[in-house]
Amino acid sequence: MSPPNVTSEAQSVHDAALIVDLHCDLLLTRHFLRWDWRKRHRANPLPGAALFGHCDLPRLKEGNVGAVAFGVVTSPFRWNGGPAAIERDLDALAAEVARSPDLLESTGTAQAIRNARTAGRIAAFAGLEGAHGLHGRLEHLPRFREKGLRYVGLVHFTANEAARPMVGWRASNTLGLTPFGCELVDELGRLRILIDCAHLGKAAVLETCKRARGPVIVSHTGCTGVHWSPRGVDDDILRAVADTDGVVGIIFVTPFIGRGGAKTAARHLDHIKRTVGVRHCALGTDWEGFAVFPSDLDSAEKLPNLTQALLELGWSADDVHAAYGGNFLRVIERGCG
C-alpha cells in the first residue's frame, strides 16, 4: 500500500527502482537490543522516532530497498573495540544472512546485487564506520574484505591514526591525512575496498579524493548549500567527490538536513544534481542510527514519500533510479570489482 499522498505514478517509479541504502545501523540495534530483523516491528512512538525502530527486513521489503550497507561501529575508547570487534560485527551480519536466506543475501559486486534483487532478496554488505577500529594496522583488511566489508570510513566522531573528523573529539577541517591515513587510502585502493569520507574533516576529504585510485563515497551526509549542519558537506567536497566519479548519500536525520521531511531530503538530492549532476546522487538513510527522523521518512515503508517529492521537483524516472541505486552500482563495480 502506498503512503498517503503518493500518486500511482510515483509508486510505479519507486517500485521499478533498485534502491541501495549506503548506511543503516541495524547491527547496532541487534547488538544493544537483540532486535529481531525478521519481525515487522511497530513504528517507534517517540517524537522524531528517536534513536531506533526505523526498519527491519519486512519494512525494508515494503519500502522496496534492494541492497543495504550495514554499518560496523566499534568503540574508540576501548582496546577491545578494535579488529576483533569489527570481525564480531561481520560475523553477526553473516549470521543474520544465514538465518534469513529467503530475505537476505551477502553480496560484494554490482552484478551480485542485481542477482539478489532478481531472486527477491535484499543484498547485504558491510561498511566500517571509522578506521579507529583498525588500531593503526592494515593486515586485517584482506580478511575483512573476504567477510563482506566493501567500504571503510576513515573516521567517525573521534580522531584516529588516519585523520580527524569534521565534528567530534579533536575535530579539524584544516588538517589532512596522517602518514597512516595515506597508507590506508593506498591500501584500500589496492584491495579494491571503497573509501568513505562521511564524518571526515574537509581538508582530509579533499586530500583523499586527490589520492584515491577510484571513486570515493560519502555514505551519509547533508549538503550545507541547503541546510548548514556540522555534519554536512559543502560544494567543494561535492565537486571533489564527483571528480573521482563517486557518490554522496543523503542522510534522513532531521538535524542534519533541516525540517521539512521528504521534501527537504529531496532538496538535498536536487542540490547535488544541480551542482555536480545526478550521476553523483545516492541515499544513506542512517536508519537505526540513534538519531531523530522526519515523520514521513522515519520508517522504511515510507520511502515512496521521497520518490513523490523528487518527481514534484521535476525529476525523471531515470534520475530517481540513478540516485536510488544505479549510481552506486557503477561505483561498486569500478571500485570493488
C-alpha atoms as a PDB file:
ATOM      1  CA  MET A   1       0.000   0.000   0.000  1.00  0.00           C
ATOM      2  CA  SER A   2       1.312   3.436  -0.921  1.00  0.00           C
ATOM      3  CA  PRO A   3       1.731   6.038   1.841  1.00  0.00           C
ATOM      4  CA  PRO A   4      -0.899   8.820   1.788  1.00  0.00           C
ATOM      5  CA  ASN A   5      -0.282  11.494  -0.857  1.00  0.00           C
ATOM      6  CA  VAL A   6       1.893   9.215  -3.007  1.00  0.00           C
ATOM      7  CA  THR A   7       0.485   9.073  -6.522  1.00  0.00           C
ATOM      8  CA  SER A   8       0.237   5.916  -8.588  1.00  0.00           C
ATOM      9  CA  GLU A   9       2.894   7.372 -10.915  1.00  0.00           C
ATOM     10  CA  ALA A  10       5.319   7.916  -8.029  1.00  0.00           C
ATOM     11  CA  GLN A  11       4.638   4.449  -6.653  1.00  0.00           C
ATOM     12  CA  SER A  12       5.305   2.911 -10.073  1.00  0.00           C
ATOM     13  CA  VAL A  13       8.602   4.788 -10.374  1.00  0.00           C
ATOM     14  CA  HIS A  14       9.506   3.703  -6.868  1.00  0.00           C
ATOM     15  CA  ASP A  15       8.636   0.052  -7.453  1.00  0.00           C
ATOM     16  CA  ALA A  16      10.846  -0.066 -10.564  1.00  0.00           C
ATOM     17  CA  ALA A  17      13.946   1.172  -8.716  1.00  0.00           C
ATOM     18  CA  LEU A  18      16.770  -0.925  -7.313  1.00  0.00           C
ATOM     19  CA  ILE A  19      17.281   1.018  -4.095  1.00  0.00           C
ATOM     20  CA  VAL A  20      20.605   0.923  -2.253  1.00  0.00           C
ATOM     21  CA  ASP A  21      20.907   2.320   1.280  1.00  0.00           C
ATOM     22  CA  LEU A  22      24.552   3.217   1.852  1.00  0.00           C
ATOM     23  CA  HIS A  23      24.293   3.347   5.642  1.00  0.00           C
ATOM     24  CA  CYS A  24      21.949   1.515   8.009  1.00  0.00           C
ATOM     25  CA  ASP A  25      22.745   0.704  11.644  1.00  0.00           C
ATOM     26  CA  LEU A  26      20.660  -2.429  12.179  1.00  0.00           C
ATOM     27  CA  LEU A  27      23.757  -4.117  13.604  1.00  0.00           C
ATOM     28  CA  LEU A  28      23.605  -1.617  16.475  1.00  0.00           C
ATOM     29  CA  THR A  29      20.021  -2.455  17.393  1.00  0.00           C
ATOM     30  CA  ARG A  30      20.868  -6.139  17.038  1.00  0.00           C
ATOM     31  CA  HIS A  31      23.783  -5.730  19.425  1.00  0.00           C
ATOM     32  CA  PHE A  32      22.190  -3.474  22.043  1.00  0.00           C
ATOM     33  CA  LEU A  33      18.517  -4.501  21.857  1.00  0.00           C
ATOM     34  CA  ARG A  34      18.659  -8.015  20.395  1.00  0.00           C
ATOM     35  CA  TRP A  35      16.460  -6.652  17.579  1.00  0.00           C
ATOM     36  CA  ASP A  36      14.806  -9.388  15.548  1.00  0.00           C
ATOM     37  CA  TRP A  37      15.393  -8.431  11.912  1.00  0.00           C
ATOM     38  CA  ARG A  38      12.778 -10.870  10.627  1.00  0.00           C
ATOM     39  CA  LYS A  39       9.940  -9.371  12.683  1.00  0.00           C
ATOM     40  CA  ARG A  40       7.907  -6.432  11.423  1.00  0.00           C
ATOM     41  CA  HIS A  41       8.195  -4.092  14.383  1.00  0.00           C
ATOM     42  CA  ARG A  42       5.704  -1.350  15.134  1.00  0.00           C
ATOM     43  CA  ALA A  43       6.739   2.224  14.432  1.00  0.00           C
ATOM     44  CA  ASN A  44       8.740   3.982  17.120  1.00  0.00           C
ATOM     45  CA  PRO A  45       6.242   6.183  19.029  1.00  0.00           C
ATOM     46  CA  LEU A  46       8.829   8.656  20.377  1.00  0.00           C
ATOM     47  CA  PRO A  47       8.915  12.167  18.851  1.00  0.00           C
ATOM     48  CA  GLY A  48      11.033  12.010  15.731  1.00  0.00           C
ATOM     49  CA  ALA A  49      11.177   8.223  16.093  1.00  0.00           C
ATOM     50  CA  ALA A  50      14.198   8.983  18.229  1.00  0.00           C
ATOM     51  CA  LEU A  51      17.085   6.546  18.495  1.00  0.00           C
ATOM     52  CA  PHE A  52      15.891   3.326  16.808  1.00  0.00           C
ATOM     53  CA  GLY A  53      12.956   1.407  15.358  1.00  0.00           C
ATOM     54  CA  HIS A  54      13.106   2.628  11.753  1.00  0.00           C
ATOM     55  CA  CYS A  55      13.434  -0.615   9.848  1.00  0.00           C
ATOM     56  CA  ASP A  56      13.544  -4.393   9.806  1.00  0.00           C
ATOM     57  CA  LEU A  57      13.581  -6.835   6.917  1.00  0.00           C
ATOM     58  CA  PRO A  58       9.785  -6.794   6.302  1.00  0.00           C
ATOM     59  CA  ARG A  59       9.662  -2.996   6.266  1.00  0.00           C
ATOM     60  CA  LEU A  60      12.746  -2.754   4.061  1.00  0.00           C
ATOM     61  CA  LYS A  61      10.962  -5.056   1.620  1.00  0.00           C
ATOM     62  CA  GLU A  62       7.816  -2.915   1.823  1.00  0.00           C
ATOM     63  CA  GLY A  63       9.915   0.144   1.019  1.00  0.00           C
ATOM     64  CA  ASN A  64      11.460  -1.708  -1.953  1.00  0.00           C
ATOM     65  CA  VAL A  65      15.001  -1.437  -0.590  1.00  0.00           C
ATOM     66  CA  GLY A  66      17.130  -3.826  -2.625  1.00  0.00           C
ATOM     67  CA  ALA A  67      20.556  -3.514  -1.000  1.00  0.00           C
ATOM     68  CA  VAL A  68      21.847  -2.297   2.352  1.00  0.00           C
ATOM     69  CA  ALA A  69      25.282  -1.354   3.629  1.00  0.00           C
ATOM     70  CA  PHE A  70      25.226  -2.361   7.285  1.00  0.00           C
ATOM     71  CA  GLY A  71      27.377  -0.103   9.434  1.00  0.00           C
ATOM     72  CA  VAL A  72      30.110  -1.692  11.520  1.00  0.00           C
ATOM     73  CA  VAL A  73      30.616   0.512  14.579  1.00  0.00           C
ATOM     74  CA  THR A  74      33.304  -0.036  17.219  1.00  0.00           C
ATOM     75  CA  SER A  75      34.184   1.877  20.377  1.00  0.00           C
ATOM     76  CA  PRO A  76      37.129   4.249  20.002  1.00  0.00           C
ATOM     77  CA  PHE A  77      37.739   4.248  23.762  1.00  0.00           C
ATOM     78  CA  ARG A  78      38.183   0.535  24.456  1.00  0.00           C
ATOM     79  CA  TRP A  79      41.029  -1.689  23.359  1.00  0.00           C
ATOM     80  CA  ASN A  80      38.555  -4.488  22.652  1.00  0.00           C
ATOM     81  CA  GLY A  81      36.800  -2.141  20.201  1.00  0.00           C
ATOM     82  CA  GLY A  82      39.468  -2.938  17.599  1.00  0.00           C
ATOM     83  CA  PRO A  83      39.829  -5.583  14.885  1.00  0.00           C
ATOM     84  CA  ALA A  84      38.161  -8.270  16.995  1.00  0.00           C
ATOM     85  CA  ALA A  85      35.066  -6.073  17.323  1.00  0.00           C
ATOM     86  CA  ILE A  86      34.995  -5.466  13.571  1.00  0.00           C
ATOM     87  CA  GLU A  87      35.156  -9.199  12.984  1.00  0.00           C
ATOM     88  CA  ARG A  88      32.389  -9.748  15.526  1.00  0.00           C
ATOM     89  CA  ASP A  89      30.051  -7.453  13.577  1.00  0.00           C
ATOM     90  CA  LEU A  90      30.978  -9.003  10.233  1.00  0.00           C
ATOM     91  CA  ASP A  91      30.226 -12.432  11.694  1.00  0.00           C
ATOM     92  CA  ALA A  92      26.947 -11.101  13.130  1.00  0.00           C
ATOM     93  CA  LEU A  93      25.911  -9.937   9.664  1.00  0.00           C
ATOM     94  CA  ALA A  94      26.812 -13.334   8.223  1.00  0.00           C
ATOM     95  CA  ALA A  95      24.688 -14.966  10.935  1.00  0.00           C
ATOM     96  CA  GLU A  96      21.688 -12.800  10.004  1.00  0.00           C
ATOM     97  CA  VAL A  97      22.089 -13.754   6.356  1.00  0.00           C
ATOM     98  CA  ALA A  98      22.278 -17.441   7.291  1.00  0.00           C
ATOM     99  CA  ARG A  99      19.178 -17.024   9.463  1.00  0.00           C
ATOM    100  CA  SER A 100      17.163 -15.387   6.679  1.00  0.00           C
ATOM    101  CA  PRO A 101      18.286 -16.910   3.364  1.00  0.00           C
ATOM    102  CA  ASP A 102      14.854 -16.169   1.915  1.00  0.00           C
ATOM    103  CA  LEU A 103      15.228 -12.455   2.629  1.00  0.00           C
ATOM    104  CA  LEU A 104      18.961 -11.636   2.711  1.00  0.00           C
ATOM    105  CA  GLU A 105      21.977 -12.442   0.563  1.00  0.00           C
ATOM    106  CA  SER A 106      25.625 -11.495   1.108  1.00  0.00           C
ATOM    107  CA  THR A 107      26.957  -9.653  -1.902  1.00  0.00           C
ATOM    108  CA  GLY A 108      30.062  -7.803  -2.935  1.00  0.00           C
ATOM    109  CA  THR A 109      29.629  -6.830  -6.583  1.00  0.00           C
ATOM    110  CA  ALA A 110      27.174  -4.878  -8.682  1.00  0.00           C
ATOM    111  CA  GLN A 111      26.037  -7.982 -10.539  1.00  0.00           C
ATOM    112  CA  ALA A 112      25.510  -9.885  -7.295  1.00  0.00           C
ATOM    113  CA  ILE A 113      23.293  -7.044  -6.050  1.00  0.00           C
ATOM    114  CA  ARG A 114      21.264  -7.244  -9.262  1.00  0.00           C
ATOM    115  CA  ASN A 115      21.035 -11.027  -8.944  1.00  0.00           C
ATOM    116  CA  ALA A 116      19.816 -10.769  -5.344  1.00  0.00           C
ATOM    117  CA  ARG A 117      17.129  -8.353  -6.471  1.00  0.00           C
ATOM    118  CA  THR A 118      16.018 -10.755  -9.208  1.00  0.00           C
ATOM    119  CA  ALA A 119      15.786 -13.520  -6.605  1.00  0.00           C
ATOM    120  CA  GLY A 120      13.657 -11.326  -4.332  1.00  0.00           C
ATOM    121  CA  ARG A 121      16.306 -10.925  -1.645  1.00  0.00           C
ATOM    122  CA  ILE A 122      17.938  -7.859  -0.086  1.00  0.00           C
ATOM    123  CA  ALA A 123      21.645  -7.662  -0.868  1.00  0.00           C
ATOM    124  CA  ALA A 124      23.796  -7.201   2.249  1.00  0.00           C
ATOM    125  CA  PHE A 125      27.311  -5.854   2.581  1.00  0.00           C
ATOM    126  CA  ALA A 126      29.217  -4.019   5.311  1.00  0.00           C
ATOM    127  CA  GLY A 127      30.809  -0.612   5.764  1.00  0.00           C
ATOM    128  CA  LEU A 128      33.217   0.217   8.592  1.00  0.00           C
ATOM    129  CA  GLU A 129      32.377   3.484  10.368  1.00  0.00           C
ATOM    130  CA  GLY A 130      35.768   4.747  11.484  1.00  0.00           C
ATOM    131  CA  ALA A 131      39.303   3.481  10.951  1.00  0.00           C
ATOM    132  CA  HIS A 132      39.948   3.674  14.704  1.00  0.00           C
ATOM    133  CA  GLY A 133      38.775   0.048  14.729  1.00  0.00           C
ATOM    134  CA  LEU A 134      41.876  -0.943  12.775  1.00  0.00           C
ATOM    135  CA  HIS A 135      44.158   0.249  15.610  1.00  0.00           C
ATOM    136  CA  GLY A 136      46.620   1.640  13.083  1.00  0.00           C
ATOM    137  CA  ARG A 137      47.133  -1.700  11.331  1.00  0.00           C
ATOM    138  CA  LEU A 138      46.406  -2.783   7.765  1.00  0.00           C
ATOM    139  CA  GLU A 139      46.943  -6.533   7.883  1.00  0.00           C
ATOM    140  CA  HIS A 140      43.354  -7.411   8.805  1.00  0.00           C
ATOM    141  CA  LEU A 141      41.792  -5.689   5.788  1.00  0.00           C
ATOM    142  CA  PRO A 142      42.080  -8.596   3.305  1.00  0.00           C
ATOM    143  CA  ARG A 143      40.235 -10.893   5.718  1.00  0.00           C
ATOM    144  CA  PHE A 144      37.588  -8.273   6.387  1.00  0.00           C
ATOM    145  CA  ARG A 145      37.043  -7.881   2.650  1.00  0.00           C
ATOM    146  CA  GLU A 146      36.514 -11.622   2.328  1.00  0.00           C
ATOM    147  CA  LYS A 147      33.873 -11.346   5.060  1.00  0.00           C
ATOM    148  CA  GLY A 148      31.898  -8.707   3.172  1.00  0.00           C
ATOM    149  CA  LEU A 149      33.468  -5.353   4.033  1.00  0.00           C
ATOM    150  CA  ARG A 150      33.049  -3.118   0.996  1.00  0.00           C
ATOM    151  CA  TYR A 151      33.846   0.334   2.310  1.00  0.00           C
ATOM    152  CA  VAL A 152      35.895   1.874   5.103  1.00  0.00           C
ATOM    153  CA  GLY A 153      35.016   5.218   6.656  1.00  0.00           C
ATOM    154  CA  LEU A 154      38.244   6.932   7.611  1.00  0.00           C
ATOM    155  CA  VAL A 155      36.778   8.478  10.786  1.00  0.00           C
ATOM    156  CA  HIS A 156      33.654   8.520  12.935  1.00  0.00           C
ATOM    157  CA  PHE A 157      33.275  11.081  15.740  1.00  0.00           C
ATOM    158  CA  THR A 158      36.833  10.835  17.090  1.00  0.00           C
ATOM    159  CA  ALA A 159      40.302  11.458  15.748  1.00  0.00           C
ATOM    160  CA  ASN A 160      42.265   8.311  14.994  1.00  0.00           C
ATOM    161  CA  GLU A 161      45.546   7.187  13.455  1.00  0.00           C
ATOM    162  CA  ALA A 162      44.322   8.102   9.935  1.00  0.00           C
ATOM    163  CA  ALA A 163      42.643  11.501  10.213  1.00  0.00           C
ATOM    164  CA  ARG A 164      40.354  13.822  12.163  1.00  0.00           C
ATOM    165  CA  PRO A 165      36.579  14.166  11.970  1.00  0.00           C
ATOM    166  CA  MET A 166      34.600  17.224  10.856  1.00  0.00           C
ATOM    167  CA  VAL A 167      32.929  17.300  14.270  1.00  0.00           C
ATOM    168  CA  GLY A 168      33.686  15.457  17.492  1.00  0.00           C
ATOM    169  CA  TRP A 169      36.723  14.722  19.624  1.00  0.00           C
ATOM    170  CA  ARG A 170      39.815  16.535  18.216  1.00  0.00           C
ATOM    171  CA  ALA A 171      37.885  17.571  15.120  1.00  0.00           C
ATOM    172  CA  SER A 172      39.598  19.544  12.376  1.00  0.00           C
ATOM    173  CA  ASN A 173      38.560  20.746   8.946  1.00  0.00           C
ATOM    174  CA  THR A 174      42.039  22.100   8.170  1.00  0.00           C
ATOM    175  CA  LEU A 175      44.289  19.107   8.838  1.00  0.00           C
ATOM    176  CA  GLY A 176      44.737  16.458   6.160  1.00  0.00           C
ATOM    177  CA  LEU A 177      45.532  12.771   6.334  1.00  0.00           C
ATOM    178  CA  THR A 178      48.226  11.427   8.633  1.00  0.00           C
ATOM    179  CA  PRO A 179      51.011   9.266   7.160  1.00  0.00           C
ATOM    180  CA  PHE A 180      48.990   6.213   8.242  1.00  0.00           C
ATOM    181  CA  GLY A 181      45.917   7.741   6.615  1.00  0.00           C
ATOM    182  CA  CYS A 182      47.822   7.981   3.338  1.00  0.00           C
ATOM    183  CA  GLU A 183      48.920   4.340   3.660  1.00  0.00           C
ATOM    184  CA  LEU A 184      45.337   3.333   4.416  1.00  0.00           C
ATOM    185  CA  VAL A 185      43.932   5.133   1.365  1.00  0.00           C
ATOM    186  CA  ASP A 186      46.557   3.457  -0.818  1.00  0.00           C
ATOM    187  CA  GLU A 187      45.905   0.011   0.662  1.00  0.00           C
ATOM    188  CA  LEU A 188      42.138   0.323   0.289  1.00  0.00           C
ATOM    189  CA  GLY A 189      42.690   1.145  -3.368  1.00  0.00           C
ATOM    190  CA  ARG A 190      44.932  -1.871  -3.805  1.00  0.00           C
ATOM    191  CA  LEU A 191      42.416  -4.172  -2.106  1.00  0.00           C
ATOM    192  CA  ARG A 192      39.506  -2.633  -4.025  1.00  0.00           C
ATOM    193  CA  ILE A 193      37.632  -1.508  -0.914  1.00  0.00           C
ATOM    194  CA  LEU A 194      35.785   1.777  -1.265  1.00  0.00           C
ATOM    195  CA  ILE A 195      36.787   4.812   0.804  1.00  0.00           C
ATOM    196  CA  ASP A 196      34.017   6.560   2.713  1.00  0.00           C
ATOM    197  CA  CYS A 197      34.558  10.224   3.633  1.00  0.00           C
ATOM    198  CA  ALA A 198      31.461  10.587   5.834  1.00  0.00           C
ATOM    199  CA  HIS A 199      32.414  12.367   9.087  1.00  0.00           C
ATOM    200  CA  LEU A 200      35.840  13.311   7.673  1.00  0.00           C
ATOM    201  CA  GLY A 201      37.217  16.850   8.024  1.00  0.00           C
ATOM    202  CA  LYS A 202      37.166  18.923   4.833  1.00  0.00           C
ATOM    203  CA  ALA A 203      40.917  19.149   4.185  1.00  0.00           C
ATOM    204  CA  ALA A 204      41.261  15.391   4.596  1.00  0.00           C
ATOM    205  CA  VAL A 205      38.304  14.780   2.240  1.00  0.00           C
ATOM    206  CA  LEU A 206      39.911  16.887  -0.471  1.00  0.00           C
ATOM    207  CA  GLU A 207      43.265  15.144   0.015  1.00  0.00           C
ATOM    208  CA  THR A 208      41.623  11.711  -0.038  1.00  0.00           C
ATOM    209  CA  CYS A 209      39.807  12.475  -3.281  1.00  0.00           C
ATOM    210  CA  LYS A 210      43.074  13.537  -4.927  1.00  0.00           C
ATOM    211  CA  ARG A 211      44.935  10.485  -3.665  1.00  0.00           C
ATOM    212  CA  ALA A 212      42.304   7.791  -4.240  1.00  0.00           C
ATOM    213  CA  ARG A 213      42.710   5.365  -7.140  1.00  0.00           C
ATOM    214  CA  GLY A 214      38.982   5.051  -7.771  1.00  0.00           C
ATOM    215  CA  PRO A 215      35.611   6.518  -6.844  1.00  0.00           C
ATOM    216  CA  VAL A 216      35.151   7.869  -3.332  1.00  0.00           C
ATOM    217  CA  ILE A 217      31.840   7.888  -1.470  1.00  0.00           C
ATOM    218  CA  VAL A 218      30.303   9.964   1.303  1.00  0.00           C
ATOM    219  CA  SER A 219      27.868   7.383   2.598  1.00  0.00           C
ATOM    220  CA  HIS A 220      25.530   9.556   4.705  1.00  0.00           C
ATOM    221  CA  THR A 221      25.526  13.332   4.938  1.00  0.00           C
ATOM    222  CA  GLY A 222      23.650  16.505   4.023  1.00  0.00           C
ATOM    223  CA  CYS A 223      24.517  19.487   1.825  1.00  0.00           C
ATOM    224  CA  THR A 224      25.418  22.722   3.581  1.00  0.00           C
ATOM    225  CA  GLY A 225      24.214  24.522   0.457  1.00  0.00           C
ATOM    226  CA  VAL A 226      20.679  23.555   1.524  1.00  0.00           C
ATOM    227  CA  HIS A 227      20.945  23.455   5.324  1.00  0.00           C
ATOM    228  CA  TRP A 228      24.047  24.111   7.383  1.00  0.00           C
ATOM    229  CA  SER A 229      24.991  21.484   9.928  1.00  0.00           C
ATOM    230  CA  PRO A 230      28.350  20.344  11.298  1.00  0.00           C
ATOM    231  CA  ARG A 231      27.779  17.004   9.531  1.00  0.00           C
ATOM    232  CA  GLY A 232      27.132  18.493   6.093  1.00  0.00           C
ATOM    233  CA  VAL A 233      29.415  18.788   3.076  1.00  0.00           C
ATOM    234  CA  ASP A 234      29.906  21.914   1.001  1.00  0.00           C
ATOM    235  CA  ASP A 235      30.079  22.335  -2.762  1.00  0.00           C
ATOM    236  CA  ASP A 236      33.882  21.993  -2.799  1.00  0.00           C
ATOM    237  CA  ILE A 237      33.502  18.494  -1.395  1.00  0.00           C
ATOM    238  CA  LEU A 238      30.689  17.667  -3.827  1.00  0.00           C
ATOM    239  CA  ARG A 239      32.967  18.627  -6.716  1.00  0.00           C
ATOM    240  CA  ALA A 240      35.930  16.693  -5.293  1.00  0.00           C
ATOM    241  CA  VAL A 241      33.860  13.511  -4.887  1.00  0.00           C
ATOM    242  CA  ALA A 242      32.373  13.975  -8.360  1.00  0.00           C
ATOM    243  CA  ASP A 243      35.895  14.285  -9.800  1.00  0.00           C
ATOM    244  CA  THR A 244      36.544  10.717  -8.568  1.00  0.00           C
ATOM    245  CA  ASP A 245      33.230   9.650 -10.170  1.00  0.00           C
ATOM    246  CA  GLY A 246      31.935   8.846  -6.694  1.00  0.00           C
ATOM    247  CA  VAL A 247      28.606   9.428  -4.951  1.00  0.00           C
ATOM    248  CA  VAL A 248      27.226  11.345  -1.983  1.00  0.00           C
ATOM    249  CA  GLY A 249      24.489   9.648   0.049  1.00  0.00           C
ATOM    250  CA  ILE A 250      21.851  11.912   1.567  1.00  0.00           C
ATOM    251  CA  ILE A 251      21.033  11.196   5.199  1.00  0.00           C
ATOM    252  CA  PHE A 252      17.467  11.396   6.564  1.00  0.00           C
ATOM    253  CA  VAL A 253      18.358  12.711  10.057  1.00  0.00           C
ATOM    254  CA  THR A 254      16.393  15.912  10.713  1.00  0.00           C
ATOM    255  CA  PRO A 255      19.119  17.985  12.467  1.00  0.00           C
ATOM    256  CA  PHE A 256      21.476  17.311   9.550  1.00  0.00           C
ATOM    257  CA  ILE A 257      19.108  18.115   6.671  1.00  0.00           C
ATOM    258  CA  GLY A 258      16.681  20.546   8.297  1.00  0.00           C
ATOM    259  CA  ARG A 259      12.949  20.398   8.863  1.00  0.00           C
ATOM    260  CA  GLY A 260      10.524  19.505   6.090  1.00  0.00           C
ATOM    261  CA  GLY A 261      10.854  15.756   5.844  1.00  0.00           C
ATOM    262  CA  ALA A 262      10.930  14.016   2.474  1.00  0.00           C
ATOM    263  CA  LYS A 263      10.632  17.315   0.591  1.00  0.00           C
ATOM    264  CA  THR A 264      13.738  18.596   2.342  1.00  0.00           C
ATOM    265  CA  ALA A 265      15.681  15.382   1.704  1.00  0.00           C
ATOM    266  CA  ALA A 266      14.681  15.763  -1.955  1.00  0.00           C
ATOM    267  CA  ARG A 267      16.093  19.299  -1.966  1.00  0.00           C
ATOM    268  CA  HIS A 268      19.474  17.954  -0.800  1.00  0.00           C
ATOM    269  CA  LEU A 269      19.496  15.412  -3.620  1.00  0.00           C
ATOM    270  CA  ASP A 270      18.439  18.116  -6.054  1.00  0.00           C
ATOM    271  CA  HIS A 271      21.309  20.313  -4.849  1.00  0.00           C
ATOM    272  CA  ILE A 272      23.801  17.566  -5.702  1.00  0.00           C
ATOM    273  CA  LYS A 273      22.136  17.135  -9.087  1.00  0.00           C
ATOM    274  CA  ARG A 274      22.306  20.851  -9.877  1.00  0.00           C
ATOM    275  CA  THR A 275      25.868  21.240  -8.581  1.00  0.00           C
ATOM    276  CA  VAL A 276      27.664  18.172  -9.997  1.00  0.00           C
ATOM    277  CA  GLY A 277      24.984  16.095 -11.742  1.00  0.00           C
ATOM    278  CA  VAL A 278      22.521  13.374 -10.845  1.00  0.00           C
ATOM    279  CA  ARG A 279      25.291  10.830 -11.546  1.00  0.00           C
ATOM    280  CA  HIS A 280      26.695  11.571  -8.085  1.00  0.00           C
ATOM    281  CA  CYS A 281      23.487  11.290  -6.007  1.00  0.00           C
ATOM    282  CA  ALA A 282      22.819   8.414  -3.616  1.00  0.00           C
ATOM    283  CA  LEU A 283      20.943   7.529  -0.407  1.00  0.00           C
ATOM    284  CA  GLY A 284      22.403   6.878   3.042  1.00  0.00           C
ATOM    285  CA  THR A 285      19.455   6.861   5.435  1.00  0.00           C
ATOM    286  CA  ASP A 286      21.228   6.287   8.786  1.00  0.00           C
ATOM    287  CA  TRP A 287      18.139   4.379   9.962  1.00  0.00           C
ATOM    288  CA  GLU A 288      18.695   2.804  13.394  1.00  0.00           C
ATOM    289  CA  GLY A 289      21.486   5.345  13.909  1.00  0.00           C
ATOM    290  CA  PHE A 290      20.272   6.605  17.299  1.00  0.00           C
ATOM    291  CA  ALA A 291      19.075   9.863  15.763  1.00  0.00           C
ATOM    292  CA  VAL A 292      15.869  11.810  15.023  1.00  0.00           C
ATOM    293  CA  PHE A 293      13.979  11.411  11.734  1.00  0.00           C
ATOM    294  CA  PRO A 294      11.107  13.231   9.982  1.00  0.00           C
ATOM    295  CA  SER A 295       7.666  11.675  10.312  1.00  0.00           C
ATOM    296  CA  ASP A 296       7.428  10.807   6.599  1.00  0.00           C
ATOM    297  CA  LEU A 297      10.855   9.089   6.477  1.00  0.00           C
ATOM    298  CA  ASP A 298      11.060   7.518   9.923  1.00  0.00           C
ATOM    299  CA  SER A 299      10.141   4.007   8.789  1.00  0.00           C
ATOM    300  CA  ALA A 300      11.374   2.156   5.736  1.00  0.00           C
ATOM    301  CA  GLU A 301       7.970   1.563   4.150  1.00  0.00           C
ATOM    302  CA  LYS A 302       7.534   5.356   3.904  1.00  0.00           C
ATOM    303  CA  LEU A 303      10.344   5.684   1.361  1.00  0.00           C
ATOM    304  CA  PRO A 304       7.911   6.319  -1.566  1.00  0.00           C
ATOM    305  CA  ASN A 305       7.349   9.744   0.025  1.00  0.00           C
ATOM    306  CA  LEU A 306      10.823  10.706  -1.162  1.00  0.00           C
ATOM    307  CA  THR A 307      10.073   9.500  -4.687  1.00  0.00           C
ATOM    308  CA  GLN A 308       6.939  11.650  -4.713  1.00  0.00           C
ATOM    309  CA  ALA A 309       8.947  14.680  -3.558  1.00  0.00           C
ATOM    310  CA  LEU A 310      11.597  14.177  -6.251  1.00  0.00           C
ATOM    311  CA  LEU A 311       9.009  13.904  -9.019  1.00  0.00           C
ATOM    312  CA  GLU A 312       7.430  17.120  -7.755  1.00  0.00           C
ATOM    313  CA  LEU A 313      10.832  18.775  -8.230  1.00  0.00           C
ATOM    314  CA  GLY A 314      10.787  17.721 -11.868  1.00  0.00           C
ATOM    315  CA  TRP A 315      12.979  14.645 -11.649  1.00  0.00           C
ATOM    316  CA  SER A 316      12.503  11.960 -14.272  1.00  0.00           C
ATOM    317  CA  ALA A 317      12.136   8.263 -13.503  1.00  0.00           C
ATOM    318  CA  ASP A 318      15.662   7.730 -14.837  1.00  0.00           C
ATOM    319  CA  ASP A 319      17.004  10.397 -12.464  1.00  0.00           C
ATOM    320  CA  VAL A 320      15.313   8.742  -9.494  1.00  0.00           C
ATOM    321  CA  HIS A 321      16.566   5.292 -10.440  1.00  0.00           C
ATOM    322  CA  ALA A 322      20.124   6.590 -10.847  1.00  0.00           C
ATOM    323  CA  ALA A 323      20.130   8.281  -7.431  1.00  0.00           C
ATOM    324  CA  TYR A 324      18.446   5.376  -5.670  1.00  0.00           C
ATOM    325  CA  GLY A 325      20.899   2.715  -6.757  1.00  0.00           C
ATOM    326  CA  GLY A 326      22.164   2.900 -10.306  1.00  0.00           C
ATOM    327  CA  ASN A 327      24.937   5.333  -9.450  1.00  0.00           C
ATOM    328  CA  PHE A 328      26.256   3.239  -6.587  1.00  0.00           C
ATOM    329  CA  LEU A 329      26.201   0.093  -8.702  1.00  0.00           C
ATOM    330  CA  ARG A 330      28.527   1.896 -11.099  1.00  0.00           C
ATOM    331  CA  VAL A 331      30.773   2.914  -8.196  1.00  0.00           C
ATOM    332  CA  ILE A 332      30.986  -0.508  -6.571  1.00  0.00           C
ATOM    333  CA  GLU A 333      31.611  -2.153  -9.944  1.00  0.00           C
ATOM    334  CA  ARG A 334      34.519   0.143 -10.619  1.00  0.00           C
ATOM    335  CA  GLY A 335      35.790   0.394  -7.050  1.00  0.00           C
ATOM    336  CA  CYS A 336      35.348  -3.161  -5.775  1.00  0.00           C
ATOM    337  CA  GLY A 337      35.300  -5.310  -8.897  1.00  0.00           C
END
